[in-house]
Amino acid sequence: MRVCGKEISDENVSQIRDIIAKNWQKSRTQLSLQICEALEWRGPNGRLKDASCRVVLLRLHREGIIPLPEAQKRPCSRVPKGRDRKQKAEGQGVECELSELGEIRIIRVPSRYSKAYRVWKELMERYHYLGSGPLCGYQMKYLIESERYGCVGGFAFGSAAWRLEARDTWIGWDEKRRQENLSKVVCNSRFLIVPWVRVKNLASQVLSGCIRRLREDWYEHYKIRPVLLETFIERGRFRGSSYRASNWVHIGSTKGRGRQDRRNEYGESIKDIYGYPLDKDFRGELCKGMPEKVVRREEVGDWAEEEFSRADLGDGRRVERLITIARDFYTRPQANIPQACGSRAKTKAAYRFLESKSTTMEKIQKSHYEATVTRIGKEKIVLAVQDTTTLNYSTHPATADLGLIGSKAGGFVGLIVHDTMSFNVEGTPLGVIDVQCWARDPADFGKKHLRHKLSIEQKESNKWLKSFHVVTEVQRRCAETTVVSVGDREADVYELFHLALREAENPKLLVRAEHNRLLADGQGHLYEYLQTKKVSGVQTVRVPRKQSQPAREAKLEIRFAEVTLEPPQGKKELGELSIWAVYAKETEVPAGVEALEWMLLTTCEVKTFEQAVEKLQWYCIRWGIEIYHRVLKSGCRIEQRQLGSAERIESCLAIDMVVAWRIYHLTKLGREMPNMPCTVFFEDAEWKALVAYKTQNPIPPENPPTLREAIHMVASLGGFLSRKCDGEPGTQTLWLGLQRLDDITEMWKISMSVLAPHLFHPPPVSSIKYG
């Protein structure tokens, strides 16, 4: 049996019975303290959990499991009805400006035996509709004191509700994590401003002030650092204005059951539930150790809300502006910011957004990361491809805080971007999970010869390890998915292999070898050793077009073996590493073409030809990130942004990267699921306007076209001819077509709203949800 979060075993029951039998003459309180000592039932602050123990004893007693002595009746200690001498203004009321109240102090009530407690209890009994109690579990109380008018209100905080469906769904924890971490959630059970004080902004100010000190007070008293507050607002009685003004988040409503509604009678009124995170990563703290990601899905209006509505930018209005900018950038990916925004007001708002210190790349991208993790959790195998690209801003010399991106002093300047894009095994991009962006320090130029004396943390090569740490966190949250970190030859870093093999639960690693590494046990070097192995089979792979060379089918001879790598000089402390190598070399090479030769190193087991081919296919998907970078540069024209500083460029880049992913995702999705209805990607007005334009018929069909048909129509707007020899449309024709589709859709909306309003169904605009 579990009571108050404590598992009561049969052995515990026997101990309790023995203690009660030997101390029958003692009071229930004395028995409770003795039982707490015997069972070592203490809180994080080391104090005995006396109150919780009494609840356990009473429940066991009522169920006939143990006997308890009669409860001792004590005389009621009534609180005197005296009034603070400064509260003479009650009769006439106080209506003034906030500043006229004088200094506002939040005073902690030290104990139930103090004068402050008597004042607090009198205020609650007299003015609060719930009275002063009873309050449950851990408790902390505060008085609100005005320098001029004395005590004008109070707070009470206590233990959180044991079960609360809306809250638990919003947090996303499972049953085990709820039981383990519920103590880190604190309930604001009382909040009172006396009715004779009516001062604008007083409630929201004192609420914010009390929250600022609660966390440290709670930790000092209970040795628990809360990460989330909750409270309940009774519908019809209050509107919760002061909570909303203090940035509390509405997360749902109760079902009308109270704490003691064991018979499910639903006799209580419905209350709105509000939450206030005390920690930015409160979900990570409350859900720590979960074996898989519990996906929290919200009803969102379109892709922009799905990717950005969970951004923590400090103000909901910034989130709304972010979503608007993303939509504008997507509909006109090649346009500059004024052209994309379409009006002077929206352009000014966009520049203000990018200039804000609250809208950093990390904060903007974090919401997209969460949406990406949700998509990753639905796949069996996901490839997390790392790659580095440069952004050249040499044509914008006025841009501040840029660095060299070439190998020559005085050469090109710009930013370095190292990103990680996730793909499924069909090659469809699922989203970005990590972005590192920086400008090289000019003072470090010309010091390449010193790199051997630096640790990996001091080198740019550390970018591979940083990304792998992020992928490790994704793997932890998506335990049902096998995540493989993929890198090109630049990722052939010994420390990266050492990191990947450190824990069995870590993601897998697949890297193309750059170095002909020395093998242990006298096996020689890597390439020579693999060449001695027997060819296990021949595999054909498609090589995409490269500059003037056309795409071709390449036949590769496959060899594989398990090898043990000798650590490089100066890194002997890392030890030897056992890893699998797959060697593929092209045969029958066309004239004038360099033969393919790949040496892949992986932590994945490779014992059969099929497993070796699988690793080659995974590595082929790595080309997808290069296509993505082309979409980012040519499609979204990120290198043409003129924003004056590297920080603003990074904020803009965070949006453009999601837009580029969206365009690339559409291209691949049409090939992966061509027969799905186009409504999975296009809004109602978009596909109807598209069909009307292409068919010259304003009346839309009953059934929407398939995704493949819609993509071909959009691509045709960008110049795609749809001939048999053309294959499927690429990203370039799609981003050009999307720009034209936006204008066509707007004109269709205007026309239909006037000529045929019964056919015009604009997409619903959902309110932004937070948390």
Foldseek 3Di string as FASTA:
>chain_A
DAFPLDDQDPVLLVVLQVLCVVPVVDALQVSLVVSQVVVVQAFPVRHRQSVRSSVVVVVCCVVVSHPHHDHDDDDDDDQDLDDDPLQPCLVVFDEDAPPVLPDKDKAKDDDCPDPVVSNQQNQQQVAPPVGDDDDDADKIKIFIAGPRRGTFWIWMKHQDQLDFPLVCLVLLADPVLSSVCSRLEMEGEDTDGGPRYDYPPPRLVVVLVCVVCVQVVCCVVRVHRHFKYKYWAFPPPDDCVSVVVNVWAFRAKGQQDDSPPPVPPSPGGIITMTMDTPDPVNSCVSRPPPQAARDRDDDAQADLLQQQLAQPLPDNVLSVLSSLQLVLCLLQLADFQCVSLVDPVNSVVLLVSLPDPSLFLCRRRPSNLSSLLVVQLVAAEKEWEKDKDWFFQQVQVLAPQWADPDQDPPDTTGKMKIWIWMAGLLLFTSGTNDIDMHHDDPVCRPVPVCVVVDDCVPDPLCVLVVVQVSQQVSCSHNVSYQYEYEYEQSNQDPVNLLVQPVDPSGHKYKYWHDDQFAFPPPQGTDVVNQVPFDFQDKDWDWDPDDVPRHIDIWIKGKTKDWTKTQDDPPPCVSPIDIWIWIWIWTDPDDPPDDTDTTIMIIRDDDDHPVSSVSSVSSNVSSCSVVLLVCCLCVVNVLSPHRSRYPRSSSSVSSSSSVSSSLLSNLQSVCVVFVQAFLVVHDPPLLQLLLCCVVVVNNDRDPGGGTSQVSQQSLLVLQPDPPDPVRPGDDSNSNSNSSNVSVVSSVVSLVVCVPPPVVRRDGRDHDDRRYD
